[in-house]
């Protein structure tokens, strides 16, 4: 999903009745939010064309950050993401596009996620009573700059002379490569690219499924995230059952052929 598509989906989620129900109690907790009856109303007054003063908009941002820190509901990060869409897009544009996709280097989609997650981490980390927009901008730009510097300093993957290193003892055999491709084919046939990416993240990188769903689909409501969690968990269980069955069948075939 592109960055633009992500913002479109987030905006759709804020128009749901569930988002309005979650938002309304905050108007009793924060004077800055009291005049508004829906998340989209708050976004409208945070826009550059808003008639509110800088101080009034700052008070709203401070209230939104307070709600973000005190609640696990995704509504608050969704509002903040949309409120800072111009900043996020501008920071992402500075990163450009990778000229070559290499192992260990960022792809375009990785860079999208890096900026989105960087912003959310900054929003969760800062505790301010004023100048919220400036602090968020500085924190995000500093984080992305540091990550880019670390990536640039990382060594390029080694390139070997195939003639010289023809007998590499760690090389993956053709049979193993074929088996891995077959596993990926089964996973994709069962649940498509979403299931493949989920299983790589949760099985290979040890990320929890709930963390994966929250990271890759921040625009979803808690109920929608729970539904996606169950769907992916069921699909993963089904495909792992198929893979175990195939593995046992292959093991029996090898034993009988010995």
C-alpha atoms as a PDB file:
ATOM      1  CA  UNK A   1       0.000   0.000   0.000  1.00  0.00           C
ATOM      2  CA  UNK A   2       1.392   3.387  -0.992  1.00  0.00           C
ATOM      3  CA  UNK A   3       1.691   6.279   1.417  1.00  0.00           C
ATOM      4  CA  UNK A   4      -1.162   8.099  -0.345  1.00  0.00           C
ATOM      5  CA  UNK A   5      -3.393   5.005  -0.116  1.00  0.00           C
ATOM      6  CA  UNK A   6      -2.591   4.689   3.578  1.00  0.00           C
ATOM      7  CA  UNK A   7      -3.799   8.219   4.273  1.00  0.00           C
ATOM      8  CA  UNK A   8      -6.984   7.605   2.258  1.00  0.00           C
ATOM      9  CA  UNK A   9      -7.767   4.506   4.344  1.00  0.00           C
ATOM     10  CA  UNK A  10      -7.048   6.328   7.596  1.00  0.00           C
ATOM     11  CA  UNK A  11      -9.411   9.142   6.638  1.00  0.00           C
ATOM     12  CA  UNK A  12     -12.136   6.606   5.861  1.00  0.00           C
ATOM     13  CA  UNK A  13     -11.699   5.015   9.287  1.00  0.00           C
ATOM     14  CA  UNK A  14     -12.236   8.381  11.011  1.00  0.00           C
ATOM     15  CA  UNK A  15     -15.697   8.733   9.475  1.00  0.00           C
ATOM     16  CA  UNK A  16     -16.933   5.531  11.137  1.00  0.00           C
ATOM     17  CA  UNK A  17     -19.424   5.842  13.987  1.00  0.00           C
ATOM     18  CA  UNK A  18     -17.045   3.916  16.235  1.00  0.00           C
ATOM     19  CA  UNK A  19     -14.424   6.649  15.768  1.00  0.00           C
ATOM     20  CA  UNK A  20     -16.945   9.331  16.752  1.00  0.00           C
ATOM     21  CA  UNK A  21     -17.987   7.336  19.845  1.00  0.00           C
ATOM     22  CA  UNK A  22     -14.362   7.002  20.917  1.00  0.00           C
ATOM     23  CA  UNK A  23     -13.681  10.676  20.333  1.00  0.00           C
ATOM     24  CA  UNK A  24     -16.627  12.235  22.201  1.00  0.00           C
ATOM     25  CA  UNK A  25     -15.496  11.490  25.802  1.00  0.00           C
ATOM     26  CA  UNK A  26     -12.271  13.388  25.133  1.00  0.00           C
ATOM     27  CA  UNK A  27     -14.278  16.601  24.732  1.00  0.00           C
ATOM     28  CA  UNK A  28     -15.054  16.406  28.443  1.00  0.00           C
ATOM     29  CA  UNK A  29     -11.409  15.896  29.370  1.00  0.00           C
ATOM     30  CA  UNK A  30      -9.878  18.654  27.259  1.00  0.00           C
ATOM     31  CA  UNK A  31     -11.180  22.184  26.834  1.00  0.00           C
ATOM     32  CA  UNK A  32      -9.396  22.467  23.477  1.00  0.00           C
ATOM     33  CA  UNK A  33     -11.440  19.554  22.075  1.00  0.00           C
ATOM     34  CA  UNK A  34     -14.793  20.584  23.587  1.00  0.00           C
ATOM     35  CA  UNK A  35     -16.084  22.530  20.531  1.00  0.00           C
ATOM     36  CA  UNK A  36     -15.853  19.502  18.239  1.00  0.00           C
ATOM     37  CA  UNK A  37     -18.115  16.489  17.899  1.00  0.00           C
ATOM     38  CA  UNK A  38     -16.086  14.311  15.515  1.00  0.00           C
ATOM     39  CA  UNK A  39     -12.454  13.541  14.589  1.00  0.00           C
ATOM     40  CA  UNK A  40     -12.822  15.042  11.104  1.00  0.00           C
ATOM     41  CA  UNK A  41     -13.952  18.316  12.669  1.00  0.00           C
ATOM     42  CA  UNK A  42     -10.694  18.490  14.619  1.00  0.00           C
ATOM     43  CA  UNK A  43      -8.687  17.787  11.477  1.00  0.00           C
ATOM     44  CA  UNK A  44     -10.447  20.621   9.672  1.00  0.00           C
ATOM     45  CA  UNK A  45      -9.338  23.201  12.236  1.00  0.00           C
ATOM     46  CA  UNK A  46      -5.763  21.871  12.273  1.00  0.00           C
ATOM     47  CA  UNK A  47      -5.368  22.513   8.541  1.00  0.00           C
ATOM     48  CA  UNK A  48      -3.137  25.420   7.417  1.00  0.00           C
ATOM     49  CA  UNK A  49      -6.250  27.259   6.188  1.00  0.00           C
ATOM     50  CA  UNK A  50      -7.855  27.089   9.640  1.00  0.00           C
ATOM     51  CA  UNK A  51      -9.112  30.353  11.189  1.00  0.00           C
ATOM     52  CA  UNK A  52      -7.690  29.294  14.570  1.00  0.00           C
ATOM     53  CA  UNK A  53      -4.569  30.901  15.936  1.00  0.00           C
ATOM     54  CA  UNK A  54      -1.296  29.021  16.266  1.00  0.00           C
ATOM     55  CA  UNK A  55      -1.814  28.867  20.042  1.00  0.00           C
ATOM     56  CA  UNK A  56      -5.321  27.389  19.678  1.00  0.00           C
ATOM     57  CA  UNK A  57      -4.122  24.715  17.264  1.00  0.00           C
ATOM     58  CA  UNK A  58      -1.199  23.971  19.569  1.00  0.00           C
ATOM     59  CA  UNK A  59      -3.593  23.365  22.462  1.00  0.00           C
ATOM     60  CA  UNK A  60      -5.523  20.877  20.324  1.00  0.00           C
ATOM     61  CA  UNK A  61      -2.335  19.005  19.414  1.00  0.00           C
ATOM     62  CA  UNK A  62      -1.280  18.845  23.071  1.00  0.00           C
ATOM     63  CA  UNK A  63      -4.708  17.367  23.930  1.00  0.00           C
ATOM     64  CA  UNK A  64      -4.438  14.802  21.130  1.00  0.00           C
ATOM     65  CA  UNK A  65      -0.986  13.754  22.307  1.00  0.00           C
ATOM     66  CA  UNK A  66      -2.294  13.393  25.855  1.00  0.00           C
ATOM     67  CA  UNK A  67      -5.066  11.096  24.595  1.00  0.00           C
ATOM     68  CA  UNK A  68      -2.527   9.113  22.572  1.00  0.00           C
ATOM     69  CA  UNK A  69      -0.376   8.559  25.659  1.00  0.00           C
ATOM     70  CA  UNK A  70      -3.273   7.551  27.911  1.00  0.00           C
ATOM     71  CA  UNK A  71      -5.221   5.332  25.495  1.00  0.00           C
ATOM     72  CA  UNK A  72      -4.441   2.265  23.404  1.00  0.00           C
ATOM     73  CA  UNK A  73      -7.112   3.142  20.852  1.00  0.00           C
ATOM     74  CA  UNK A  74      -5.749   3.703  17.338  1.00  0.00           C
ATOM     75  CA  UNK A  75      -8.039   6.704  16.825  1.00  0.00           C
ATOM     76  CA  UNK A  76      -5.543   9.172  18.260  1.00  0.00           C
ATOM     77  CA  UNK A  77      -2.618   8.121  16.156  1.00  0.00           C
ATOM     78  CA  UNK A  78      -4.873   8.148  13.092  1.00  0.00           C
ATOM     79  CA  UNK A  79      -5.878  11.762  13.781  1.00  0.00           C
ATOM     80  CA  UNK A  80      -2.264  12.778  14.356  1.00  0.00           C
ATOM     81  CA  UNK A  81      -1.065  11.004  11.220  1.00  0.00           C
ATOM     82  CA  UNK A  82      -3.597  12.882   9.090  1.00  0.00           C
ATOM     83  CA  UNK A  83      -2.937  16.171  10.861  1.00  0.00           C
ATOM     84  CA  UNK A  84       0.753  15.839  10.007  1.00  0.00           C
ATOM     85  CA  UNK A  85       0.290  14.324   6.547  1.00  0.00           C
ATOM     86  CA  UNK A  86       2.125  17.234   4.832  1.00  0.00           C
ATOM     87  CA  UNK A  87       5.131  16.823   7.134  1.00  0.00           C
ATOM     88  CA  UNK A  88       5.209  13.042   6.712  1.00  0.00           C
ATOM     89  CA  UNK A  89       4.980  13.295   2.922  1.00  0.00           C
ATOM     90  CA  UNK A  90       7.692  15.968   2.844  1.00  0.00           C
ATOM     91  CA  UNK A  91      10.091  13.900   4.979  1.00  0.00           C
ATOM     92  CA  UNK A  92       9.383  10.814   2.867  1.00  0.00           C
ATOM     93  CA  UNK A  93      10.010  12.763  -0.367  1.00  0.00           C
ATOM     94  CA  UNK A  94      13.465  13.758   0.878  1.00  0.00           C
ATOM     95  CA  UNK A  95      14.423  10.089   1.075  1.00  0.00           C
ATOM     96  CA  UNK A  96      13.733   9.599  -2.642  1.00  0.00           C
ATOM     97  CA  UNK A  97      13.610   6.127  -4.171  1.00  0.00           C
ATOM     98  CA  UNK A  98      16.311   3.438  -3.922  1.00  0.00           C
ATOM     99  CA  UNK A  99      18.245   3.216  -7.194  1.00  0.00           C
ATOM    100  CA  UNK A 100      18.858  -0.497  -6.674  1.00  0.00           C
ATOM    101  CA  UNK A 101      17.051  -2.908  -4.380  1.00  0.00           C
ATOM    102  CA  UNK A 102      19.717  -4.773  -2.427  1.00  0.00           C
ATOM    103  CA  UNK A 103      19.658  -7.172   0.465  1.00  0.00           C
ATOM    104  CA  UNK A 104      19.879  -5.110   3.625  1.00  0.00           C
ATOM    105  CA  UNK A 105      18.863  -1.899   1.834  1.00  0.00           C
ATOM    106  CA  UNK A 106      15.519  -0.126   1.837  1.00  0.00           C
ATOM    107  CA  UNK A 107      12.853  -0.546  -0.793  1.00  0.00           C
ATOM    108  CA  UNK A 108      10.368   2.228  -1.504  1.00  0.00           C
ATOM    109  CA  UNK A 109       7.714   0.596   0.673  1.00  0.00           C
ATOM    110  CA  UNK A 110      10.234   0.170   3.493  1.00  0.00           C
ATOM    111  CA  UNK A 111      10.902   3.902   3.377  1.00  0.00           C
ATOM    112  CA  UNK A 112       7.162   4.644   3.560  1.00  0.00           C
ATOM    113  CA  UNK A 113       6.852   2.478   6.668  1.00  0.00           C
ATOM    114  CA  UNK A 114      10.020   3.948   8.173  1.00  0.00           C
ATOM    115  CA  UNK A 115       8.592   7.474   8.073  1.00  0.00           C
ATOM    116  CA  UNK A 116       5.143   6.429   9.331  1.00  0.00           C
ATOM    117  CA  UNK A 117       6.562   4.425  12.217  1.00  0.00           C
ATOM    118  CA  UNK A 118       9.129   7.139  12.939  1.00  0.00           C
ATOM    119  CA  UNK A 119       6.341   9.672  13.319  1.00  0.00           C
ATOM    120  CA  UNK A 120       4.304   7.412  15.609  1.00  0.00           C
ATOM    121  CA  UNK A 121       7.350   6.661  17.758  1.00  0.00           C
ATOM    122  CA  UNK A 122       8.045  10.383  18.023  1.00  0.00           C
ATOM    123  CA  UNK A 123       4.433  11.085  18.974  1.00  0.00           C
ATOM    124  CA  UNK A 124       4.501   8.422  21.692  1.00  0.00           C
ATOM    125  CA  UNK A 125       7.840   9.619  23.028  1.00  0.00           C
ATOM    126  CA  UNK A 126       7.372  13.365  23.426  1.00  0.00           C
ATOM    127  CA  UNK A 127       5.678  14.890  26.457  1.00  0.00           C
ATOM    128  CA  UNK A 128       4.922  18.565  25.890  1.00  0.00           C
ATOM    129  CA  UNK A 129       2.546  21.266  27.075  1.00  0.00           C
ATOM    130  CA  UNK A 130       3.221  23.614  24.153  1.00  0.00           C
ATOM    131  CA  UNK A 131       4.991  23.841  20.765  1.00  0.00           C
ATOM    132  CA  UNK A 132       3.773  20.337  19.929  1.00  0.00           C
ATOM    133  CA  UNK A 133       4.038  20.683  16.144  1.00  0.00           C
ATOM    134  CA  UNK A 134       7.623  21.907  16.282  1.00  0.00           C
ATOM    135  CA  UNK A 135       8.709  19.175  18.698  1.00  0.00           C
ATOM    136  CA  UNK A 136       7.081  16.465  16.570  1.00  0.00           C
ATOM    137  CA  UNK A 137       8.757  17.785  13.424  1.00  0.00           C
ATOM    138  CA  UNK A 138      12.198  17.969  15.023  1.00  0.00           C
ATOM    139  CA  UNK A 139      11.858  14.533  16.594  1.00  0.00           C
ATOM    140  CA  UNK A 140      10.770  12.899  13.339  1.00  0.00           C
ATOM    141  CA  UNK A 141      13.441  14.580  11.228  1.00  0.00           C
ATOM    142  CA  UNK A 142      16.155  13.680  13.745  1.00  0.00           C
ATOM    143  CA  UNK A 143      15.056  10.045  13.898  1.00  0.00           C
ATOM    144  CA  UNK A 144      14.905   9.591  10.120  1.00  0.00           C
ATOM    145  CA  UNK A 145      18.233  11.374   9.668  1.00  0.00           C
ATOM    146  CA  UNK A 146      19.914   9.082  12.217  1.00  0.00           C
ATOM    147  CA  UNK A 147      18.474   5.954  10.577  1.00  0.00           C
ATOM    148  CA  UNK A 148      19.637   7.086   7.141  1.00  0.00           C
ATOM    149  CA  UNK A 149      23.136   7.791   8.454  1.00  0.00           C
ATOM    150  CA  UNK A 150      23.325   4.318   9.991  1.00  0.00           C
ATOM    151  CA  UNK A 151      22.118   2.700   6.766  1.00  0.00           C
ATOM    152  CA  UNK A 152      24.607   4.623   4.637  1.00  0.00           C
ATOM    153  CA  UNK A 153      27.411   3.544   6.964  1.00  0.00           C
ATOM    154  CA  UNK A 154      26.459  -0.143   6.702  1.00  0.00           C
ATOM    155  CA  UNK A 155      28.811  -2.127   4.434  1.00  0.00           C
ATOM    156  CA  UNK A 156      27.598  -3.221   1.038  1.00  0.00           C
ATOM    157  CA  UNK A 157      26.816  -6.945   0.714  1.00  0.00           C
ATOM    158  CA  UNK A 158      29.933  -8.803  -0.385  1.00  0.00           C
ATOM    159  CA  UNK A 159      30.137  -9.856  -4.026  1.00  0.00           C
ATOM    160  CA  UNK A 160      32.069 -13.071  -4.652  1.00  0.00           C
ATOM    161  CA  UNK A 161      33.881 -14.366  -7.706  1.00  0.00           C
ATOM    162  CA  UNK A 162      31.888 -17.475  -8.586  1.00  0.00           C
ATOM    163  CA  UNK A 163      34.915 -19.103 -10.244  1.00  0.00           C
ATOM    164  CA  UNK A 164      37.065 -18.624  -7.162  1.00  0.00           C
ATOM    165  CA  UNK A 165      34.427 -19.624  -4.612  1.00  0.00           C
ATOM    166  CA  UNK A 166      32.725 -22.381  -6.542  1.00  0.00           C
ATOM    167  CA  UNK A 167      32.808 -24.765  -3.569  1.00  0.00           C
ATOM    168  CA  UNK A 168      31.269 -22.493  -0.933  1.00  0.00           C
ATOM    169  CA  UNK A 169      30.312 -24.911   1.899  1.00  0.00           C
ATOM    170  CA  UNK A 170      27.473 -22.596   3.007  1.00  0.00           C
ATOM    171  CA  UNK A 171      25.805 -22.401  -0.382  1.00  0.00           C
ATOM    172  CA  UNK A 172      22.158 -23.399  -0.594  1.00  0.00           C
ATOM    173  CA  UNK A 173      21.626 -26.373  -2.840  1.00  0.00           C
ATOM    174  CA  UNK A 174      19.305 -26.258  -5.832  1.00  0.00           C
ATOM    175  CA  UNK A 175      17.058 -28.750  -4.069  1.00  0.00           C
ATOM    176  CA  UNK A 176      16.814 -26.520  -0.984  1.00  0.00           C
ATOM    177  CA  UNK A 177      16.061 -23.512  -3.148  1.00  0.00           C
ATOM    178  CA  UNK A 178      13.303 -25.443  -4.900  1.00  0.00           C
ATOM    179  CA  UNK A 179      11.865 -26.531  -1.556  1.00  0.00           C
ATOM    180  CA  UNK A 180      11.870 -22.942  -0.286  1.00  0.00           C
ATOM    181  CA  UNK A 181      10.143 -21.752  -3.460  1.00  0.00           C
ATOM    182  CA  UNK A 182       7.523 -24.464  -3.027  1.00  0.00           C
ATOM    183  CA  UNK A 183       6.870 -23.324   0.558  1.00  0.00           C
ATOM    184  CA  UNK A 184       6.408 -19.737  -0.598  1.00  0.00           C
ATOM    185  CA  UNK A 185       4.105 -20.927  -3.408  1.00  0.00           C
ATOM    186  CA  UNK A 186       1.912 -22.810  -0.934  1.00  0.00           C
ATOM    187  CA  UNK A 187       1.745 -19.826   1.413  1.00  0.00           C
ATOM    188  CA  UNK A 188       0.802 -17.425  -1.388  1.00  0.00           C
ATOM    189  CA  UNK A 189      -1.765 -19.847  -2.791  1.00  0.00           C
ATOM    190  CA  UNK A 190      -3.357 -20.086   0.645  1.00  0.00           C
ATOM    191  CA  UNK A 191      -3.408 -16.405   1.606  1.00  0.00           C
ATOM    192  CA  UNK A 192      -1.618 -14.291  -0.978  1.00  0.00           C
ATOM    193  CA  UNK A 193       1.178 -11.803  -0.414  1.00  0.00           C
ATOM    194  CA  UNK A 194      -0.314 -10.608   2.914  1.00  0.00           C
ATOM    195  CA  UNK A 195       0.034 -14.065   4.452  1.00  0.00           C
ATOM    196  CA  UNK A 196       3.537 -14.447   3.041  1.00  0.00           C
ATOM    197  CA  UNK A 197       4.702 -11.147   4.535  1.00  0.00           C
ATOM    198  CA  UNK A 198       3.046 -11.935   7.854  1.00  0.00           C
ATOM    199  CA  UNK A 199       4.718 -15.329   8.137  1.00  0.00           C
ATOM    200  CA  UNK A 200       8.113 -13.884   7.248  1.00  0.00           C
ATOM    201  CA  UNK A 201       7.700 -11.226   9.945  1.00  0.00           C
ATOM    202  CA  UNK A 202       6.351 -13.533  12.655  1.00  0.00           C
ATOM    203  CA  UNK A 203       8.299 -16.721  11.913  1.00  0.00           C
ATOM    204  CA  UNK A 204      11.605 -15.408  10.584  1.00  0.00           C
ATOM    205  CA  UNK A 205      11.841 -12.111  12.492  1.00  0.00           C
ATOM    206  CA  UNK A 206      10.015 -13.253  15.653  1.00  0.00           C
ATOM    207  CA  UNK A 207       7.522 -10.362  15.571  1.00  0.00           C
ATOM    208  CA  UNK A 208       4.250 -11.055  17.346  1.00  0.00           C
ATOM    209  CA  UNK A 209       1.194 -11.264  15.122  1.00  0.00           C
ATOM    210  CA  UNK A 210      -0.593  -8.503  17.050  1.00  0.00           C
ATOM    211  CA  UNK A 211       2.424  -6.218  16.679  1.00  0.00           C
ATOM    212  CA  UNK A 212       2.602  -7.032  12.964  1.00  0.00           C
ATOM    213  CA  UNK A 213      -1.076  -6.187  12.403  1.00  0.00           C
ATOM    214  CA  UNK A 214      -0.756  -2.933  14.372  1.00  0.00           C
ATOM    215  CA  UNK A 215       2.386  -1.952  12.449  1.00  0.00           C
ATOM    216  CA  UNK A 216       1.144  -2.718   8.962  1.00  0.00           C
ATOM    217  CA  UNK A 217      -2.479  -1.588   9.376  1.00  0.00           C
ATOM    218  CA  UNK A 218      -2.502   1.438  11.723  1.00  0.00           C
ATOM    219  CA  UNK A 219      -5.570   2.770   9.916  1.00  0.00           C
ATOM    220  CA  UNK A 220      -7.812  -0.066  11.140  1.00  0.00           C
ATOM    221  CA  UNK A 221     -10.018   0.170  14.199  1.00  0.00           C
ATOM    222  CA  UNK A 222      -9.279  -2.217  17.112  1.00  0.00           C
ATOM    223  CA  UNK A 223     -12.207  -4.438  16.024  1.00  0.00           C
ATOM    224  CA  UNK A 224     -10.943  -4.518  12.426  1.00  0.00           C
ATOM    225  CA  UNK A 225      -7.423  -5.297  13.614  1.00  0.00           C
ATOM    226  CA  UNK A 226      -8.769  -8.154  15.746  1.00  0.00           C
ATOM    227  CA  UNK A 227     -10.665  -9.514  12.743  1.00  0.00           C
ATOM    228  CA  UNK A 228      -7.548  -9.323  10.582  1.00  0.00           C
ATOM    229  CA  UNK A 229      -5.533 -10.962  13.375  1.00  0.00           C
ATOM    230  CA  UNK A 230      -7.922 -13.930  13.528  1.00  0.00           C
ATOM    231  CA  UNK A 231      -8.017 -14.271   9.738  1.00  0.00           C
ATOM    232  CA  UNK A 232      -4.232 -14.296   9.434  1.00  0.00           C
ATOM    233  CA  UNK A 233      -3.849 -16.647  12.412  1.00  0.00           C
ATOM    234  CA  UNK A 234      -6.341 -19.109  10.919  1.00  0.00           C
ATOM    235  CA  UNK A 235      -4.671 -18.926   7.500  1.00  0.00           C
ATOM    236  CA  UNK A 236      -1.218 -19.462   9.035  1.00  0.00           C
ATOM    237  CA  UNK A 237      -2.443 -22.477  11.018  1.00  0.00           C
ATOM    238  CA  UNK A 238      -3.981 -23.985   7.882  1.00  0.00           C
ATOM    239  CA  UNK A 239      -0.886 -23.499   5.724  1.00  0.00           C
ATOM    240  CA  UNK A 240       1.437 -24.806   8.449  1.00  0.00           C
ATOM    241  CA  UNK A 241      -0.734 -27.914   8.682  1.00  0.00           C
ATOM    242  CA  UNK A 242      -0.337 -28.426   4.939  1.00  0.00           C
ATOM    243  CA  UNK A 243       3.422 -27.929   5.135  1.00  0.00           C
ATOM    244  CA  UNK A 244       3.758 -30.454   7.982  1.00  0.00           C
ATOM    245  CA  UNK A 245       1.728 -32.984   6.002  1.00  0.00           C
ATOM    246  CA  UNK A 246       3.966 -32.511   2.958  1.00  0.00           C
ATOM    247  CA  UNK A 247       7.094 -32.788   5.119  1.00  0.00           C
ATOM    248  CA  UNK A 248       5.936 -36.081   6.655  1.00  0.00           C
ATOM    249  CA  UNK A 249       5.077 -37.410   3.207  1.00  0.00           C
ATOM    250  CA  UNK A 250       8.516 -36.462   1.889  1.00  0.00           C
ATOM    251  CA  UNK A 251      10.212 -38.037   4.902  1.00  0.00           C
ATOM    252  CA  UNK A 252       8.354 -41.308   4.358  1.00  0.00           C
ATOM    253  CA  UNK A 253       9.330 -41.241   0.693  1.00  0.00           C
ATOM    254  CA  UNK A 254      12.998 -40.784   1.536  1.00  0.00           C
ATOM    255  CA  UNK A 255      12.906 -43.578   4.131  1.00  0.00           C
ATOM    256  CA  UNK A 256      11.284 -46.007   1.690  1.00  0.00           C
ATOM    257  CA  UNK A 257      13.811 -45.116  -1.004  1.00  0.00           C
ATOM    258  CA  UNK A 258      16.810 -45.690   1.292  1.00  0.00           C
END
